mmCIF file of all heavy atoms, coordinates in Angstrom:
data_MODEL
# 
_entry.id   MODEL 
# 
loop_
_atom_site.group_PDB 
_atom_site.id 
_atom_site.type_symbol 
_atom_site.label_atom_id 
_atom_site.label_alt_id 
_atom_site.label_comp_id 
_atom_site.label_asym_id 
_atom_site.label_entity_id 
_atom_site.label_seq_id 
_atom_site.pdbx_PDB_ins_code 
_atom_site.Cartn_x 
_atom_site.Cartn_y 
_atom_site.Cartn_z 
_atom_site.occupancy 
_atom_site.B_iso_or_equiv 
_atom_site.pdbx_formal_charge 
_atom_site.auth_seq_id 
_atom_site.auth_comp_id 
_atom_site.auth_asym_id 
_atom_site.auth_atom_id 
_atom_site.pdbx_PDB_model_num 
ATOM 1   N N   . GLY A 1 1  ? -252.339 52.533 73.697 1.00 0.00 ? 1  GLY A N   1 
ATOM 2   C CA  . GLY A 1 1  ? -252.088 51.103 73.819 1.00 0.00 ? 1  GLY A CA  1 
ATOM 3   C C   . GLY A 1 1  ? -250.630 50.767 74.063 1.00 0.00 ? 1  GLY A C   1 
ATOM 4   O O   . GLY A 1 1  ? -250.305 49.657 74.502 1.00 0.00 ? 1  GLY A O   1 
ATOM 5   N N   . ILE A 1 2  ? -249.748 51.726 73.806 1.00 0.00 ? 2  ILE A N   1 
ATOM 6   C CA  . ILE A 1 2  ? -248.313 51.481 73.951 1.00 0.00 ? 2  ILE A CA  1 
ATOM 7   C C   . ILE A 1 2  ? -247.971 51.235 75.418 1.00 0.00 ? 2  ILE A C   1 
ATOM 8   O O   . ILE A 1 2  ? -248.389 51.988 76.298 1.00 0.00 ? 2  ILE A O   1 
ATOM 9   C CB  . ILE A 1 2  ? -247.507 52.665 73.400 1.00 0.00 ? 2  ILE A CB  1 
ATOM 10  C CG1 . ILE A 1 2  ? -247.763 52.818 71.896 1.00 0.00 ? 2  ILE A CG1 1 
ATOM 11  C CG2 . ILE A 1 2  ? -246.013 52.471 73.659 1.00 0.00 ? 2  ILE A CG2 1 
ATOM 12  C CD1 . ILE A 1 2  ? -247.135 54.053 71.281 1.00 0.00 ? 2  ILE A CD1 1 
ATOM 13  N N   . GLY A 1 3  ? -247.235 50.176 75.665 1.00 0.00 ? 3  GLY A N   1 
ATOM 14  C CA  . GLY A 1 3  ? -246.841 49.832 77.026 1.00 0.00 ? 3  GLY A CA  1 
ATOM 15  C C   . GLY A 1 3  ? -247.777 48.852 77.716 1.00 0.00 ? 3  GLY A C   1 
ATOM 16  O O   . GLY A 1 3  ? -247.464 48.371 78.806 1.00 0.00 ? 3  GLY A O   1 
ATOM 17  N N   . GLN A 1 4  ? -248.910 48.551 77.095 1.00 0.00 ? 4  GLN A N   1 
ATOM 18  C CA  . GLN A 1 4  ? -249.847 47.613 77.717 1.00 0.00 ? 4  GLN A CA  1 
ATOM 19  C C   . GLN A 1 4  ? -249.278 46.195 77.753 1.00 0.00 ? 4  GLN A C   1 
ATOM 20  O O   . GLN A 1 4  ? -248.539 45.782 76.875 1.00 0.00 ? 4  GLN A O   1 
ATOM 21  C CB  . GLN A 1 4  ? -251.180 47.605 76.968 1.00 0.00 ? 4  GLN A CB  1 
ATOM 22  C CG  . GLN A 1 4  ? -252.028 48.836 77.178 1.00 0.00 ? 4  GLN A CG  1 
ATOM 23  C CD  . GLN A 1 4  ? -253.409 48.690 76.560 1.00 0.00 ? 4  GLN A CD  1 
ATOM 24  O OE1 . GLN A 1 4  ? -253.790 47.622 76.084 1.00 0.00 ? 4  GLN A OE1 1 
ATOM 25  N NE2 . GLN A 1 4  ? -254.168 49.779 76.567 1.00 0.00 ? 4  GLN A NE2 1 
ATOM 26  N N   . ARG A 1 5  ? -249.652 45.465 78.793 1.00 0.00 ? 5  ARG A N   1 
ATOM 27  C CA  . ARG A 1 5  ? -249.328 44.046 78.921 1.00 0.00 ? 5  ARG A CA  1 
ATOM 28  C C   . ARG A 1 5  ? -250.653 43.298 78.943 1.00 0.00 ? 5  ARG A C   1 
ATOM 29  O O   . ARG A 1 5  ? -251.281 43.157 79.997 1.00 0.00 ? 5  ARG A O   1 
ATOM 30  C CB  . ARG A 1 5  ? -248.521 43.788 80.191 1.00 0.00 ? 5  ARG A CB  1 
ATOM 31  C CG  . ARG A 1 5  ? -247.148 44.450 80.190 1.00 0.00 ? 5  ARG A CG  1 
ATOM 32  C CD  . ARG A 1 5  ? -246.429 44.290 81.520 1.00 0.00 ? 5  ARG A CD  1 
ATOM 33  N NE  . ARG A 1 5  ? -246.241 42.882 81.853 1.00 0.00 ? 5  ARG A NE  1 
ATOM 34  C CZ  . ARG A 1 5  ? -245.218 42.142 81.420 1.00 0.00 ? 5  ARG A CZ  1 
ATOM 35  N NH1 . ARG A 1 5  ? -244.290 42.675 80.647 1.00 0.00 ? 5  ARG A NH1 1 
ATOM 36  N NH2 . ARG A 1 5  ? -245.107 40.880 81.771 1.00 0.00 ? 5  ARG A NH2 1 
ATOM 37  N N   . ALA A 1 6  ? -251.091 42.869 77.781 1.00 0.00 ? 6  ALA A N   1 
ATOM 38  C CA  . ALA A 1 6  ? -252.428 42.295 77.626 1.00 0.00 ? 6  ALA A CA  1 
ATOM 39  C C   . ALA A 1 6  ? -252.378 40.774 77.734 1.00 0.00 ? 6  ALA A C   1 
ATOM 40  O O   . ALA A 1 6  ? -251.636 40.116 76.995 1.00 0.00 ? 6  ALA A O   1 
ATOM 41  C CB  . ALA A 1 6  ? -253.014 42.711 76.281 1.00 0.00 ? 6  ALA A CB  1 
ATOM 42  N N   . LYS A 1 7  ? -253.169 40.219 78.644 1.00 0.00 ? 7  LYS A N   1 
ATOM 43  C CA  . LYS A 1 7  ? -253.227 38.768 78.812 1.00 0.00 ? 7  LYS A CA  1 
ATOM 44  C C   . LYS A 1 7  ? -254.224 38.156 77.826 1.00 0.00 ? 7  LYS A C   1 
ATOM 45  O O   . LYS A 1 7  ? -255.322 38.679 77.630 1.00 0.00 ? 7  LYS A O   1 
ATOM 46  C CB  . LYS A 1 7  ? -253.622 38.404 80.241 1.00 0.00 ? 7  LYS A CB  1 
ATOM 47  C CG  . LYS A 1 7  ? -252.557 38.681 81.276 1.00 0.00 ? 7  LYS A CG  1 
ATOM 48  C CD  . LYS A 1 7  ? -252.976 38.158 82.655 1.00 0.00 ? 7  LYS A CD  1 
ATOM 49  C CE  . LYS A 1 7  ? -251.851 38.348 83.675 1.00 0.00 ? 7  LYS A CE  1 
ATOM 50  N NZ  . LYS A 1 7  ? -252.225 37.810 85.008 1.00 0.00 ? 7  LYS A NZ  1 
ATOM 51  N N   . ARG A 1 8  ? -253.830 37.019 77.247 1.00 0.00 ? 8  ARG A N   1 
ATOM 52  C CA  . ARG A 1 8  ? -254.687 36.258 76.351 1.00 0.00 ? 8  ARG A CA  1 
ATOM 53  C C   . ARG A 1 8  ? -254.622 34.791 76.792 1.00 0.00 ? 8  ARG A C   1 
ATOM 54  O O   . ARG A 1 8  ? -253.551 34.183 76.780 1.00 0.00 ? 8  ARG A O   1 
ATOM 55  C CB  . ARG A 1 8  ? -254.221 36.387 74.889 1.00 0.00 ? 8  ARG A CB  1 
ATOM 56  C CG  . ARG A 1 8  ? -254.225 37.828 74.358 1.00 0.00 ? 8  ARG A CG  1 
ATOM 57  C CD  . ARG A 1 8  ? -255.638 38.359 74.187 1.00 0.00 ? 8  ARG A CD  1 
ATOM 58  N NE  . ARG A 1 8  ? -255.670 39.696 73.624 1.00 0.00 ? 8  ARG A NE  1 
ATOM 59  C CZ  . ARG A 1 8  ? -255.811 40.791 74.332 1.00 0.00 ? 8  ARG A CZ  1 
ATOM 60  N NH1 . ARG A 1 8  ? -255.907 40.705 75.670 1.00 0.00 ? 8  ARG A NH1 1 
ATOM 61  N NH2 . ARG A 1 8  ? -255.857 41.971 73.753 1.00 0.00 ? 8  ARG A NH2 1 
ATOM 62  N N   . TYR A 1 9  ? -255.742 34.229 77.191 1.00 0.00 ? 9  TYR A N   1 
ATOM 63  C CA  . TYR A 1 9  ? -255.786 32.853 77.696 1.00 0.00 ? 9  TYR A CA  1 
ATOM 64  C C   . TYR A 1 9  ? -255.883 31.892 76.512 1.00 0.00 ? 9  TYR A C   1 
ATOM 65  O O   . TYR A 1 9  ? -256.774 32.004 75.672 1.00 0.00 ? 9  TYR A O   1 
ATOM 66  C CB  . TYR A 1 9  ? -256.960 32.696 78.661 1.00 0.00 ? 9  TYR A CB  1 
ATOM 67  C CG  . TYR A 1 9  ? -256.776 33.539 79.896 1.00 0.00 ? 9  TYR A CG  1 
ATOM 68  C CD1 . TYR A 1 9  ? -257.236 34.858 79.942 1.00 0.00 ? 9  TYR A CD1 1 
ATOM 69  C CD2 . TYR A 1 9  ? -256.072 33.046 80.991 1.00 0.00 ? 9  TYR A CD2 1 
ATOM 70  C CE1 . TYR A 1 9  ? -257.016 35.657 81.061 1.00 0.00 ? 9  TYR A CE1 1 
ATOM 71  C CE2 . TYR A 1 9  ? -255.852 33.834 82.113 1.00 0.00 ? 9  TYR A CE2 1 
ATOM 72  C CZ  . TYR A 1 9  ? -256.324 35.139 82.137 1.00 0.00 ? 9  TYR A CZ  1 
ATOM 73  O OH  . TYR A 1 9  ? -256.096 35.925 83.244 1.00 0.00 ? 9  TYR A OH  1 
ATOM 74  N N   . TYR A 1 10 ? -254.934 30.958 76.461 1.00 0.00 ? 10 TYR A N   1 
ATOM 75  C CA  . TYR A 1 10 ? -254.782 30.138 75.269 1.00 0.00 ? 10 TYR A CA  1 
ATOM 76  C C   . TYR A 1 10 ? -255.396 28.744 75.425 1.00 0.00 ? 10 TYR A C   1 
ATOM 77  O O   . TYR A 1 10 ? -255.557 28.215 76.519 1.00 0.00 ? 10 TYR A O   1 
ATOM 78  C CB  . TYR A 1 10 ? -253.312 29.996 74.903 1.00 0.00 ? 10 TYR A CB  1 
ATOM 79  C CG  . TYR A 1 10 ? -252.432 29.396 75.990 1.00 0.00 ? 10 TYR A CG  1 
ATOM 80  C CD1 . TYR A 1 10 ? -252.437 28.032 76.261 1.00 0.00 ? 10 TYR A CD1 1 
ATOM 81  C CD2 . TYR A 1 10 ? -251.571 30.201 76.735 1.00 0.00 ? 10 TYR A CD2 1 
ATOM 82  C CE1 . TYR A 1 10 ? -251.622 27.483 77.245 1.00 0.00 ? 10 TYR A CE1 1 
ATOM 83  C CE2 . TYR A 1 10 ? -250.754 29.674 77.724 1.00 0.00 ? 10 TYR A CE2 1 
ATOM 84  C CZ  . TYR A 1 10 ? -250.791 28.314 77.978 1.00 0.00 ? 10 TYR A CZ  1 
ATOM 85  O OH  . TYR A 1 10 ? -249.995 27.768 78.957 1.00 0.00 ? 10 TYR A OH  1 
ATOM 86  N N   . ALA A 1 11 ? -255.714 28.165 74.257 1.00 0.00 ? 11 ALA A N   1 
ATOM 87  C CA  . ALA A 1 11 ? -256.151 26.764 74.171 1.00 0.00 ? 11 ALA A CA  1 
ATOM 88  C C   . ALA A 1 11 ? -255.880 26.299 72.742 1.00 0.00 ? 11 ALA A C   1 
ATOM 89  O O   . ALA A 1 11 ? -255.946 27.095 71.800 1.00 0.00 ? 11 ALA A O   1 
ATOM 90  C CB  . ALA A 1 11 ? -257.626 26.620 74.515 1.00 0.00 ? 11 ALA A CB  1 
ATOM 91  N N   . PHE A 1 12 ? -255.559 25.015 72.598 1.00 0.00 ? 12 PHE A N   1 
ATOM 92  C CA  . PHE A 1 12 ? -255.357 24.417 71.286 1.00 0.00 ? 12 PHE A CA  1 
ATOM 93  C C   . PHE A 1 12 ? -256.423 23.349 71.068 1.00 0.00 ? 12 PHE A C   1 
ATOM 94  O O   . PHE A 1 12 ? -256.697 22.549 71.971 1.00 0.00 ? 12 PHE A O   1 
ATOM 95  C CB  . PHE A 1 12 ? -253.974 23.781 71.175 1.00 0.00 ? 12 PHE A CB  1 
ATOM 96  C CG  . PHE A 1 12 ? -252.833 24.762 71.184 1.00 0.00 ? 12 PHE A CG  1 
ATOM 97  C CD1 . PHE A 1 12 ? -252.213 25.131 72.368 1.00 0.00 ? 12 PHE A CD1 1 
ATOM 98  C CD2 . PHE A 1 12 ? -252.378 25.322 69.994 1.00 0.00 ? 12 PHE A CD2 1 
ATOM 99  C CE1 . PHE A 1 12 ? -251.156 26.031 72.384 1.00 0.00 ? 12 PHE A CE1 1 
ATOM 100 C CE2 . PHE A 1 12 ? -251.320 26.223 69.999 1.00 0.00 ? 12 PHE A CE2 1 
ATOM 101 C CZ  . PHE A 1 12 ? -250.706 26.587 71.193 1.00 0.00 ? 12 PHE A CZ  1 
ATOM 102 N N   . ASP A 1 13 ? -257.029 23.326 69.881 1.00 0.00 ? 13 ASP A N   1 
ATOM 103 C CA  . ASP A 1 13 ? -257.990 22.255 69.605 1.00 0.00 ? 13 ASP A CA  1 
ATOM 104 C C   . ASP A 1 13 ? -257.287 21.100 68.906 1.00 0.00 ? 13 ASP A C   1 
ATOM 105 O O   . ASP A 1 13 ? -256.077 21.139 68.655 1.00 0.00 ? 13 ASP A O   1 
ATOM 106 C CB  . ASP A 1 13 ? -259.186 22.777 68.800 1.00 0.00 ? 13 ASP A CB  1 
ATOM 107 C CG  . ASP A 1 13 ? -258.813 23.239 67.392 1.00 0.00 ? 13 ASP A CG  1 
ATOM 108 O OD1 . ASP A 1 13 ? -257.705 22.903 66.907 1.00 0.00 ? 13 ASP A OD1 1 
ATOM 109 O OD2 . ASP A 1 13 ? -259.641 23.925 66.765 1.00 0.00 ? 13 ASP A OD2 1 
ATOM 110 N N   . SER A 1 14 ? -258.037 20.066 68.581 1.00 0.00 ? 14 SER A N   1 
ATOM 111 C CA  . SER A 1 14 ? -257.441 18.854 68.015 1.00 0.00 ? 14 SER A CA  1 
ATOM 112 C C   . SER A 1 14 ? -256.830 19.090 66.642 1.00 0.00 ? 14 SER A C   1 
ATOM 113 O O   . SER A 1 14 ? -255.971 18.332 66.191 1.00 0.00 ? 14 SER A O   1 
ATOM 114 C CB  . SER A 1 14 ? -258.499 17.747 67.919 1.00 0.00 ? 14 SER A CB  1 
ATOM 115 O OG  . SER A 1 14 ? -259.588 18.174 67.108 1.00 0.00 ? 14 SER A OG  1 
ATOM 116 N N   . ALA A 1 15 ? -257.268 20.153 65.964 1.00 0.00 ? 15 ALA A N   1 
ATOM 117 C CA  . ALA A 1 15 ? -256.724 20.465 64.643 1.00 0.00 ? 15 ALA A CA  1 
ATOM 118 C C   . ALA A 1 15 ? -255.515 21.377 64.731 1.00 0.00 ? 15 ALA A C   1 
ATOM 119 O O   . ALA A 1 15 ? -254.945 21.757 63.701 1.00 0.00 ? 15 ALA A O   1 
ATOM 120 C CB  . ALA A 1 15 ? -257.802 21.110 63.776 1.00 0.00 ? 15 ALA A CB  1 
ATOM 121 N N   . GLY A 1 16 ? -255.138 21.746 65.955 1.00 0.00 ? 16 GLY A N   1 
ATOM 122 C CA  . GLY A 1 16 ? -253.981 22.606 66.121 1.00 0.00 ? 16 GLY A CA  1 
ATOM 123 C C   . GLY A 1 16 ? -254.294 24.081 66.084 1.00 0.00 ? 16 GLY A C   1 
ATOM 124 O O   . GLY A 1 16 ? -253.381 24.909 66.158 1.00 0.00 ? 16 GLY A O   1 
ATOM 125 N N   . ARG A 1 17 ? -255.580 24.452 65.983 1.00 0.00 ? 17 ARG A N   1 
ATOM 126 C CA  . ARG A 1 17 ? -255.931 25.865 66.002 1.00 0.00 ? 17 ARG A CA  1 
ATOM 127 C C   . ARG A 1 17 ? -255.764 26.438 67.410 1.00 0.00 ? 17 ARG A C   1 
ATOM 128 O O   . ARG A 1 17 ? -255.994 25.758 68.395 1.00 0.00 ? 17 ARG A O   1 
ATOM 129 C CB  . ARG A 1 17 ? -257.352 26.070 65.493 1.00 0.00 ? 17 ARG A CB  1 
ATOM 130 C CG  . ARG A 1 17 ? -257.475 25.893 63.980 1.00 0.00 ? 17 ARG A CG  1 
ATOM 131 C CD  . ARG A 1 17 ? -258.901 25.991 63.502 1.00 0.00 ? 17 ARG A CD  1 
ATOM 132 N NE  . ARG A 1 17 ? -259.715 24.916 64.069 1.00 0.00 ? 17 ARG A NE  1 
ATOM 133 C CZ  . ARG A 1 17 ? -260.917 24.563 63.604 1.00 0.00 ? 17 ARG A CZ  1 
ATOM 134 N NH1 . ARG A 1 17 ? -261.434 25.217 62.568 1.00 0.00 ? 17 ARG A NH1 1 
ATOM 135 N NH2 . ARG A 1 17 ? -261.588 23.587 64.166 1.00 0.00 ? 17 ARG A NH2 1 
ATOM 136 N N   . LEU A 1 18 ? -255.394 27.708 67.450 1.00 0.00 ? 18 LEU A N   1 
ATOM 137 C CA  . LEU A 1 18 ? -255.098 28.395 68.696 1.00 0.00 ? 18 LEU A CA  1 
ATOM 138 C C   . LEU A 1 18 ? -256.214 29.370 69.033 1.00 0.00 ? 18 LEU A C   1 
ATOM 139 O O   . LEU A 1 18 ? -256.554 30.240 68.224 1.00 0.00 ? 18 LEU A O   1 
ATOM 140 C CB  . LEU A 1 18 ? -253.770 29.153 68.559 1.00 0.00 ? 18 LEU A CB  1 
ATOM 141 C CG  . LEU A 1 18 ? -253.400 30.146 69.658 1.00 0.00 ? 18 LEU A CG  1 
ATOM 142 C CD1 . LEU A 1 18 ? -253.184 29.444 70.998 1.00 0.00 ? 18 LEU A CD1 1 
ATOM 143 C CD2 . LEU A 1 18 ? -252.151 30.938 69.257 1.00 0.00 ? 18 LEU A CD2 1 
ATOM 144 N N   . SER A 1 19 ? -256.795 29.214 70.222 1.00 0.00 ? 19 SER A N   1 
ATOM 145 C CA  . SER A 1 19 ? -257.797 30.160 70.710 1.00 0.00 ? 19 SER A CA  1 
ATOM 146 C C   . SER A 1 19 ? -257.154 31.072 71.741 1.00 0.00 ? 19 SER A C   1 
ATOM 147 O O   . SER A 1 19 ? -256.498 30.595 72.672 1.00 0.00 ? 19 SER A O   1 
ATOM 148 C CB  . SER A 1 19 ? -258.977 29.424 71.347 1.00 0.00 ? 19 SER A CB  1 
ATOM 149 O OG  . SER A 1 19 ? -259.683 28.657 70.400 1.00 0.00 ? 19 SER A OG  1 
ATOM 150 N N   . LEU A 1 20 ? -257.353 32.371 71.591 1.00 0.00 ? 20 LEU A N   1 
ATOM 151 C CA  . LEU A 1 20 ? -256.869 33.359 72.539 1.00 0.00 ? 20 LEU A CA  1 
ATOM 152 C C   . LEU A 1 20 ? -258.076 34.131 73.076 1.00 0.00 ? 20 LEU A C   1 
ATOM 153 O O   . LEU A 1 20 ? -258.785 34.793 72.310 1.00 0.00 ? 20 LEU A O   1 
ATOM 154 C CB  . LEU A 1 20 ? -255.886 34.320 71.876 1.00 0.00 ? 20 LEU A CB  1 
ATOM 155 C CG  . LEU A 1 20 ? -254.585 33.709 71.352 1.00 0.00 ? 20 LEU A CG  1 
ATOM 156 C CD1 . LEU A 1 20 ? -253.746 34.767 70.646 1.00 0.00 ? 20 LEU A CD1 1 
ATOM 157 C CD2 . LEU A 1 20 ? -253.792 33.065 72.482 1.00 0.00 ? 20 LEU A CD2 1 
ATOM 158 N N   . THR A 1 21 ? -258.306 34.035 74.369 1.00 0.00 ? 21 THR A N   1 
ATOM 159 C CA  . THR A 1 21 ? -259.479 34.645 74.994 1.00 0.00 ? 21 THR A CA  1 
ATOM 160 C C   . THR A 1 21 ? -259.057 35.827 75.850 1.00 0.00 ? 21 THR A C   1 
ATOM 161 O O   . THR A 1 21 ? -258.142 35.716 76.680 1.00 0.00 ? 21 THR A O   1 
ATOM 162 C CB  . THR A 1 21 ? -260.224 33.619 75.866 1.00 0.00 ? 21 THR A CB  1 
ATOM 163 O OG1 . THR A 1 21 ? -260.585 32.496 75.063 1.00 0.00 ? 21 THR A OG1 1 
ATOM 164 C CG2 . THR A 1 21 ? -261.479 34.228 76.484 1.00 0.00 ? 21 THR A CG2 1 
ATOM 165 N N   . THR A 1 22 ? -259.729 36.958 75.662 1.00 0.00 ? 22 THR A N   1 
ATOM 166 C CA  . THR A 1 22 ? -259.421 38.145 76.453 1.00 0.00 ? 22 THR A CA  1 
ATOM 167 C C   . THR A 1 22 ? -260.047 38.036 77.843 1.00 0.00 ? 22 THR A C   1 
ATOM 168 O O   . THR A 1 22 ? -261.041 37.335 78.025 1.00 0.00 ? 22 THR A O   1 
ATOM 169 C CB  . THR A 1 22 ? -259.950 39.416 75.769 1.00 0.00 ? 22 THR A CB  1 
ATOM 170 O OG1 . THR A 1 22 ? -261.390 39.361 75.748 1.00 0.00 ? 22 THR A OG1 1 
ATOM 171 C CG2 . THR A 1 22 ? -259.421 39.537 74.350 1.00 0.00 ? 22 THR A CG2 1 
ATOM 172 N N   . PRO A 1 23 ? -259.484 38.723 78.841 1.00 0.00 ? 23 PRO A N   1 
ATOM 173 C CA  . PRO A 1 23 ? -260.125 38.749 80.159 1.00 0.00 ? 23 PRO A CA  1 
ATOM 174 C C   . PRO A 1 23 ? -261.511 39.385 80.060 1.00 0.00 ? 23 PRO A C   1 
ATOM 175 O O   . PRO A 1 23 ? -261.749 40.242 79.207 1.00 0.00 ? 23 PRO A O   1 
ATOM 176 C CB  . PRO A 1 23 ? -259.180 39.621 80.995 1.00 0.00 ? 23 PRO A CB  1 
ATOM 177 C CG  . PRO A 1 23 ? -257.867 39.557 80.284 1.00 0.00 ? 23 PRO A CG  1 
ATOM 178 C CD  . PRO A 1 23 ? -258.205 39.455 78.836 1.00 0.00 ? 23 PRO A CD  1 
ATOM 179 N N   . PRO A 1 24 ? -262.448 38.979 80.918 1.00 0.00 ? 24 PRO A N   1 
ATOM 180 C CA  . PRO A 1 24 ? -263.809 39.546 80.877 1.00 0.00 ? 24 PRO A CA  1 
ATOM 181 C C   . PRO A 1 24 ? -263.794 41.050 81.118 1.00 0.00 ? 24 PRO A C   1 
ATOM 182 O O   . PRO A 1 24 ? -263.037 41.557 81.946 1.00 0.00 ? 24 PRO A O   1 
ATOM 183 C CB  . PRO A 1 24 ? -264.535 38.816 82.009 1.00 0.00 ? 24 PRO A CB  1 
ATOM 184 C CG  . PRO A 1 24 ? -263.736 37.577 82.253 1.00 0.00 ? 24 PRO A CG  1 
ATOM 185 C CD  . PRO A 1 24 ? -262.318 37.948 81.957 1.00 0.00 ? 24 PRO A CD  1 
ATOM 186 N N   . ARG A 1 25 ? -264.653 41.760 80.394 1.00 0.00 ? 25 ARG A N   1 
ATOM 187 C CA  . ARG A 1 25 ? -264.796 43.194 80.567 1.00 0.00 ? 25 ARG A CA  1 
ATOM 188 C C   . ARG A 1 25 ? -266.272 43.565 80.597 1.00 0.00 ? 25 ARG A C   1 
ATOM 189 O O   . ARG A 1 25 ? -267.102 42.886 79.995 1.00 0.00 ? 25 ARG A O   1 
ATOM 190 C CB  . ARG A 1 25 ? -264.109 43.955 79.432 1.00 0.00 ? 25 ARG A CB  1 
ATOM 191 C CG  . ARG A 1 25 ? -262.604 43.823 79.400 1.00 0.00 ? 25 ARG A CG  1 
ATOM 192 C CD  . ARG A 1 25 ? -262.024 44.626 78.255 1.00 0.00 ? 25 ARG A CD  1 
ATOM 193 N NE  . ARG A 1 25 ? -260.574 44.524 78.198 1.00 0.00 ? 25 ARG A NE  1 
ATOM 194 C CZ  . ARG A 1 25 ? -259.826 45.084 77.246 1.00 0.00 ? 25 ARG A CZ  1 
ATOM 195 N NH1 . ARG A 1 25 ? -260.414 45.776 76.290 1.00 0.00 ? 25 ARG A NH1 1 
ATOM 196 N NH2 . ARG A 1 25 ? -258.513 44.952 77.258 1.00 0.00 ? 25 ARG A NH2 1 
ATOM 197 N N   . GLY A 1 26 ? -266.577 44.661 81.293 1.00 0.00 ? 26 GLY A N   1 
ATOM 198 C CA  . GLY A 1 26 ? -267.951 45.142 81.339 1.00 0.00 ? 26 GLY A CA  1 
ATOM 199 C C   . GLY A 1 26 ? -268.479 45.230 82.749 1.00 0.00 ? 26 GLY A C   1 
ATOM 200 O O   . GLY A 1 26 ? -267.759 44.995 83.730 1.00 0.00 ? 26 GLY A O   1 
ATOM 201 N N   . GLU A 1 27 ? -269.757 45.565 82.879 1.00 0.00 ? 27 GLU A N   1 
ATOM 202 C CA  . GLU A 1 27 ? -270.388 45.699 84.180 1.00 0.00 ? 27 GLU A CA  1 
ATOM 203 C C   . GLU A 1 27 ? -270.502 44.340 84.860 1.00 0.00 ? 27 GLU A C   1 
ATOM 204 O O   . GLU A 1 27 ? -270.662 43.311 84.187 1.00 0.00 ? 27 GLU A O   1 
ATOM 205 C CB  . GLU A 1 27 ? -271.775 46.318 84.026 1.00 0.00 ? 27 GLU A CB  1 
ATOM 206 C CG  . GLU A 1 27 ? -271.764 47.707 83.402 1.00 0.00 ? 27 GLU A CG  1 
ATOM 207 C CD  . GLU A 1 27 ? -273.171 48.237 83.189 1.00 0.00 ? 27 GLU A CD  1 
ATOM 208 O OE1 . GLU A 1 27 ? -274.132 47.569 83.662 1.00 0.00 ? 27 GLU A OE1 1 
ATOM 209 O OE2 . GLU A 1 27 ? -273.314 49.292 82.547 1.00 0.00 ? 27 GLU A OE2 1 
ATOM 210 N N   . PRO A 1 28 ? -270.428 44.310 86.199 1.00 0.00 ? 28 PRO A N   1 
ATOM 211 C CA  . PRO A 1 28 ? -270.570 43.030 86.922 1.00 0.00 ? 28 PRO A CA  1 
ATOM 212 C C   . PRO A 1 28 ? -271.845 42.309 86.528 1.00 0.00 ? 28 PRO A C   1 
ATOM 213 O O   . PRO A 1 28 ? -272.928 42.901 86.485 1.00 0.00 ? 28 PRO A O   1 
ATOM 214 C CB  . PRO A 1 28 ? -270.603 43.468 88.391 1.00 0.00 ? 28 PRO A CB  1 
ATOM 215 C CG  . PRO A 1 28 ? -269.866 44.768 88.419 1.00 0.00 ? 28 PRO A CG  1 
ATOM 216 C CD  . PRO A 1 28 ? -270.187 45.446 87.118 1.00 0.00 ? 28 PRO A CD  1 
# 
Protein backbone atom coordinates (compact mmCIF):
# COMPACT_ATOMS: atom_id res chain seq x y z
CA GLY A 1 0.00 0.00 0.00
CA ILE A 2 2.98 2.31 0.42
CA GLY A 3 3.12 4.94 -2.30
CA GLN A 4 -0.53 4.60 -3.30
CA ARG A 5 -2.54 7.70 -4.21
CA ALA A 6 -6.07 6.67 -3.30
CA LYS A 7 -9.00 8.84 -4.38
CA ARG A 8 -11.96 9.29 -2.03
CA TYR A 9 -15.01 11.20 -3.33
CA TYR A 10 -16.34 13.48 -0.62
CA ALA A 11 -19.73 14.82 0.45
CA PHE A 12 -20.98 16.62 3.55
CA ASP A 13 -24.49 16.15 4.94
CA SER A 14 -26.56 18.74 6.79
CA ALA A 15 -25.16 17.57 10.13
CA GLY A 16 -21.61 18.10 8.96
CA ARG A 17 -20.76 14.42 8.60
CA LEU A 18 -18.23 13.56 5.92
CA SER A 19 -18.80 10.75 3.42
CA LEU A 20 -15.80 9.34 1.57
CA THR A 21 -16.61 7.01 -1.32
CA THR A 22 -14.05 4.74 -2.96
CA PRO A 23 -13.88 4.37 -6.75
CA PRO A 24 -15.93 1.40 -8.07
CA ARG A 25 -14.14 -1.94 -8.12
CA GLY A 26 -15.00 -5.37 -9.47
CA GLU A 27 -16.17 -7.01 -12.68
CA PRO A 28 -17.96 -4.81 -15.26
